[in-house]
Each structure stands twice: as structure tokens, then as C-alpha cells.
Amino acid sequence: MVQSLDGFVVISADDWEREQETLHVLQSKNLMQQIADSLETHTRGLRL
């Protein structure tokens, strides 16, 4: 749940942790490449 209070955003600890994990993945070229490679492999597998 997100609530705005005078320029502040209040989010739960679970939401904060999830956002931090997402940012970590998005900022990691290595992890993003692994995701791209996995998606390509999966897509090729669906064509067989």
C-alpha cells in the first residue's frame, strides 16, 4: 500500500524490499543478460 504524505511516500517493509530487489536486478548487466538468454532459450523451445 502506498500513501503520500506531504512529499513523503509510505510503503510497507515488504514492498520496500521487493523494490530494492527489482532495482538490483535492473541495474545488473549480468542478471539482465541471464534473463535475456533465458527468454531466448524459452522462446526457441516453444518453436520446436
PDB file of N, CA and C in Angstrom:
ATOM      1  N   MET A   1       0.840  -1.174   0.000  1.00  0.00           N
ATOM      2  CA  MET A   1       0.000   0.000   0.000  1.00  0.00           C
ATOM      3  C   MET A   1       0.885   1.237   0.000  1.00  0.00           C
ATOM      4  N   VAL A   2       0.564   2.199  -0.868  1.00  0.00           N
ATOM      5  CA  VAL A   2       1.340   3.434  -0.967  1.00  0.00           C
ATOM      6  C   VAL A   2       0.445   4.599  -0.563  1.00  0.00           C
ATOM      7  N   GLN A   3       0.966   5.466   0.285  1.00  0.00           N
ATOM      8  CA  GLN A   3       0.211   6.625   0.737  1.00  0.00           C
ATOM      9  C   GLN A   3       1.146   7.828   0.711  1.00  0.00           C
ATOM     10  N   SER A   4       0.694   8.922   0.131  1.00  0.00           N
ATOM     11  CA  SER A   4       1.526  10.118   0.041  1.00  0.00           C
ATOM     12  C   SER A   4       1.182  11.084   1.175  1.00  0.00           C
ATOM     13  N   LEU A   5       2.203  11.553   1.886  1.00  0.00           N
ATOM     14  CA  LEU A   5       2.020  12.496   2.990  1.00  0.00           C
ATOM     15  C   LEU A   5       3.012  13.643   2.840  1.00  0.00           C
ATOM     16  N   ASP A   6       2.553  14.787   2.392  1.00  0.00           N
ATOM     17  CA  ASP A   6       3.405  15.980   2.303  1.00  0.00           C
ATOM     18  C   ASP A   6       4.762  15.709   1.672  1.00  0.00           C
ATOM     19  N   GLY A   7       4.788  15.086   0.516  1.00  0.00           N
ATOM     20  CA  GLY A   7       6.043  14.838  -0.175  1.00  0.00           C
ATOM     21  C   GLY A   7       6.736  13.549   0.206  1.00  0.00           C
ATOM     22  N   PHE A   8       6.174  12.822   1.144  1.00  0.00           N
ATOM     23  CA  PHE A   8       6.738  11.541   1.545  1.00  0.00           C
ATOM     24  C   PHE A   8       5.862  10.419   1.010  1.00  0.00           C
ATOM     25  N   VAL A   9       6.487   9.311   0.712  1.00  0.00           N
ATOM     26  CA  VAL A   9       5.746   8.124   0.303  1.00  0.00           C
ATOM     27  C   VAL A   9       5.980   7.054   1.357  1.00  0.00           C
ATOM     28  N   VAL A  10       4.901   6.499   1.866  1.00  0.00           N
ATOM     29  CA  VAL A  10       4.983   5.470   2.894  1.00  0.00           C
ATOM     30  C   VAL A  10       4.652   4.129   2.254  1.00  0.00           C
ATOM     31  N   ILE A  11       5.599   3.183   2.350  1.00  0.00           N
ATOM     32  CA  ILE A  11       5.352   1.847   1.820  1.00  0.00           C
ATOM     33  C   ILE A  11       5.725   0.829   2.891  1.00  0.00           C
ATOM     34  N   SER A  12       5.174  -0.354   2.751  1.00  0.00           N
ATOM     35  CA  SER A  12       5.469  -1.396   3.736  1.00  0.00           C
ATOM     36  C   SER A  12       6.914  -1.881   3.570  1.00  0.00           C
ATOM     37  N   ALA A  13       7.415  -2.526   4.601  1.00  0.00           N
ATOM     38  CA  ALA A  13       8.773  -3.075   4.556  1.00  0.00           C
ATOM     39  C   ALA A  13       8.887  -4.122   3.456  1.00  0.00           C
ATOM     40  N   ASP A  14       7.842  -4.931   3.269  1.00  0.00           N
ATOM     41  CA  ASP A  14       7.864  -5.947   2.206  1.00  0.00           C
ATOM     42  C   ASP A  14       7.931  -5.294   0.825  1.00  0.00           C
ATOM     43  N   ASP A  15       7.150  -4.234   0.624  1.00  0.00           N
ATOM     44  CA  ASP A  15       7.182  -3.520  -0.658  1.00  0.00           C
ATOM     45  C   ASP A  15       8.552  -2.894  -0.891  1.00  0.00           C
ATOM     46  N   TRP A  16       9.145  -2.320   0.162  1.00  0.00           N
ATOM     47  CA  TRP A  16      10.476  -1.708   0.058  1.00  0.00           C
ATOM     48  C   TRP A  16      11.508  -2.754  -0.359  1.00  0.00           C
ATOM     49  N   GLU A  17      11.456  -3.910   0.289  1.00  0.00           N
ATOM     50  CA  GLU A  17      12.400  -4.978  -0.031  1.00  0.00           C
ATOM     51  C   GLU A  17      12.227  -5.435  -1.477  1.00  0.00           C
ATOM     52  N   ARG A  18      10.994  -5.594  -1.916  1.00  0.00           N
ATOM     53  CA  ARG A  18      10.725  -6.015  -3.290  1.00  0.00           C
ATOM     54  C   ARG A  18      11.247  -4.983  -4.297  1.00  0.00           C
ATOM     55  N   GLU A  19      11.033  -3.702  -3.996  1.00  0.00           N
ATOM     56  CA  GLU A  19      11.527  -2.636  -4.883  1.00  0.00           C
ATOM     57  C   GLU A  19      13.054  -2.646  -4.949  1.00  0.00           C
ATOM     58  N   GLN A  20      13.708  -2.863  -3.815  1.00  0.00           N
ATOM     59  CA  GLN A  20      15.164  -2.904  -3.794  1.00  0.00           C
ATOM     60  C   GLN A  20      15.698  -4.081  -4.607  1.00  0.00           C
ATOM     61  N   GLU A  21      15.049  -5.233  -4.498  1.00  0.00           N
ATOM     62  CA  GLU A  21      15.455  -6.409  -5.274  1.00  0.00           C
ATOM     63  C   GLU A  21      15.268  -6.163  -6.771  1.00  0.00           C
ATOM     64  N   THR A  22      14.154  -5.527  -7.133  1.00  0.00           N
ATOM     65  CA  THR A  22      13.898  -5.207  -8.538  1.00  0.00           C
ATOM     66  C   THR A  22      14.958  -4.265  -9.078  1.00  0.00           C
ATOM     67  N   LEU A  23      15.273  -3.225  -8.314  1.00  0.00           N
ATOM     68  CA  LEU A  23      16.317  -2.287  -8.743  1.00  0.00           C
ATOM     69  C   LEU A  23      17.660  -2.981  -8.904  1.00  0.00           C
ATOM     70  N   HIS A  24      17.969  -3.889  -7.993  1.00  0.00           N
ATOM     71  CA  HIS A  24      19.233  -4.627  -8.075  1.00  0.00           C
ATOM     72  C   HIS A  24      19.317  -5.398  -9.390  1.00  0.00           C
ATOM     73  N   VAL A  25      18.248  -6.092  -9.743  1.00  0.00           N
ATOM     74  CA  VAL A  25      18.235  -6.867 -10.987  1.00  0.00           C
ATOM     75  C   VAL A  25      18.345  -5.936 -12.188  1.00  0.00           C
ATOM     76  N   LEU A  26      17.552  -4.872 -12.215  1.00  0.00           N
ATOM     77  CA  LEU A  26      17.548  -3.965 -13.357  1.00  0.00           C
ATOM     78  C   LEU A  26      18.887  -3.252 -13.552  1.00  0.00           C
ATOM     79  N   GLN A  27      19.620  -3.052 -12.471  1.00  0.00           N
ATOM     80  CA  GLN A  27      20.905  -2.362 -12.557  1.00  0.00           C
ATOM     81  C   GLN A  27      22.084  -3.307 -12.799  1.00  0.00           C
ATOM     82  N   SER A  28      21.818  -4.606 -12.822  1.00  0.00           N
ATOM     83  CA  SER A  28      22.878  -5.592 -13.017  1.00  0.00           C
ATOM     84  C   SER A  28      22.886  -6.075 -14.466  1.00  0.00           C
ATOM     85  N   LYS A  29      23.911  -5.685 -15.214  1.00  0.00           N
ATOM     86  CA  LYS A  29      24.004  -6.120 -16.611  1.00  0.00           C
ATOM     87  C   LYS A  29      24.065  -7.636 -16.705  1.00  0.00           C
ATOM     88  N   ASN A  30      24.773  -8.268 -15.767  1.00  0.00           N
ATOM     89  CA  ASN A  30      24.909  -9.719 -15.766  1.00  0.00           C
ATOM     90  C   ASN A  30      23.551 -10.399 -15.589  1.00  0.00           C
ATOM     91  N   LEU A  31      22.783  -9.954 -14.587  1.00  0.00           N
ATOM     92  CA  LEU A  31      21.474 -10.561 -14.356  1.00  0.00           C
ATOM     93  C   LEU A  31      20.518 -10.296 -15.515  1.00  0.00           C
ATOM     94  N   MET A  32      20.546  -9.091 -16.075  1.00  0.00           N
ATOM     95  CA  MET A  32      19.676  -8.780 -17.208  1.00  0.00           C
ATOM     96  C   MET A  32      20.047  -9.632 -18.427  1.00  0.00           C
ATOM     97  N   GLN A  33      21.339  -9.910 -18.607  1.00  0.00           N
ATOM     98  CA  GLN A  33      21.765 -10.771 -19.703  1.00  0.00           C
ATOM     99  C   GLN A  33      21.285 -12.204 -19.471  1.00  0.00           C
ATOM    100  N   GLN A  34      21.360 -12.670 -18.227  1.00  0.00           N
ATOM    101  CA  GLN A  34      20.861 -14.009 -17.922  1.00  0.00           C
ATOM    102  C   GLN A  34      19.366 -14.119 -18.224  1.00  0.00           C
ATOM    103  N   ILE A  35      18.609 -13.078 -17.895  1.00  0.00           N
ATOM    104  CA  ILE A  35      17.175 -13.074 -18.176  1.00  0.00           C
ATOM    105  C   ILE A  35      16.939 -13.097 -19.683  1.00  0.00           C
ATOM    106  N   ALA A  36      17.676 -12.292 -20.427  1.00  0.00           N
ATOM    107  CA  ALA A  36      17.532 -12.250 -21.887  1.00  0.00           C
ATOM    108  C   ALA A  36      17.886 -13.598 -22.502  1.00  0.00           C
ATOM    109  N   ASP A  37      18.962 -14.212 -22.042  1.00  0.00           N
ATOM    110  CA  ASP A  37      19.366 -15.525 -22.556  1.00  0.00           C
ATOM    111  C   ASP A  37      18.305 -16.579 -22.246  1.00  0.00           C
ATOM    112  N   SER A  38      17.769 -16.530 -21.043  1.00  0.00           N
ATOM    113  CA  SER A  38      16.741 -17.488 -20.643  1.00  0.00           C
ATOM    114  C   SER A  38      15.480 -17.311 -21.482  1.00  0.00           C
ATOM    115  N   LEU A  39      15.094 -16.066 -21.714  1.00  0.00           N
ATOM    116  CA  LEU A  39      13.911 -15.787 -22.525  1.00  0.00           C
ATOM    117  C   LEU A  39      14.108 -16.297 -23.954  1.00  0.00           C
ATOM    118  N   GLU A  40      15.297 -16.078 -24.499  1.00  0.00           N
ATOM    119  CA  GLU A  40      15.591 -16.554 -25.853  1.00  0.00           C
ATOM    120  C   GLU A  40      15.524 -18.077 -25.914  1.00  0.00           C
ATOM    121  N   THR A  41      16.116 -18.744 -24.942  1.00  0.00           N
ATOM    122  CA  THR A  41      16.095 -20.208 -24.888  1.00  0.00           C
ATOM    123  C   THR A  41      14.653 -20.712 -24.773  1.00  0.00           C
ATOM    124  N   HIS A  42      13.873 -20.077 -23.920  1.00  0.00           N
ATOM    125  CA  HIS A  42      12.472 -20.462 -23.723  1.00  0.00           C
ATOM    126  C   HIS A  42      11.674 -20.257 -25.014  1.00  0.00           C
ATOM    127  N   THR A  43      11.900 -19.128 -25.668  1.00  0.00           N
ATOM    128  CA  THR A  43      11.175 -18.824 -26.910  1.00  0.00           C
ATOM    129  C   THR A  43      11.537 -19.828 -27.992  1.00  0.00           C
ATOM    130  N   ARG A  44      12.823 -20.165 -28.104  1.00  0.00           N
ATOM    131  CA  ARG A  44      13.242 -21.169 -29.087  1.00  0.00           C
ATOM    132  C   ARG A  44      12.596 -22.515 -28.770  1.00  0.00           C
ATOM    133  N   GLY A  45      12.513 -22.866 -27.502  1.00  0.00           N
ATOM    134  CA  GLY A  45      11.916 -24.138 -27.096  1.00  0.00           C
ATOM    135  C   GLY A  45      10.446 -24.215 -27.459  1.00  0.00           C
ATOM    136  N   LEU A  46       9.749 -23.100 -27.449  1.00  0.00           N
ATOM    137  CA  LEU A  46       8.341 -23.099 -27.807  1.00  0.00           C
ATOM    138  C   LEU A  46       8.128 -23.302 -29.298  1.00  0.00           C
ATOM    139  N   ARG A  47       9.127 -22.983 -30.105  1.00  0.00           N
ATOM    140  CA  ARG A  47       9.013 -23.122 -31.561  1.00  0.00           C
ATOM    141  C   ARG A  47       9.269 -24.544 -32.039  1.00  0.00           C
ATOM    142  N   LEU A  48       9.845 -25.388 -31.188  1.00  0.00           N
ATOM    143  CA  LEU A  48      10.182 -26.746 -31.608  1.00  0.00           C
ATOM    144  C   LEU A  48       8.983 -27.615 -31.779  1.00  0.00           C
TER     145      LEU A  48
END
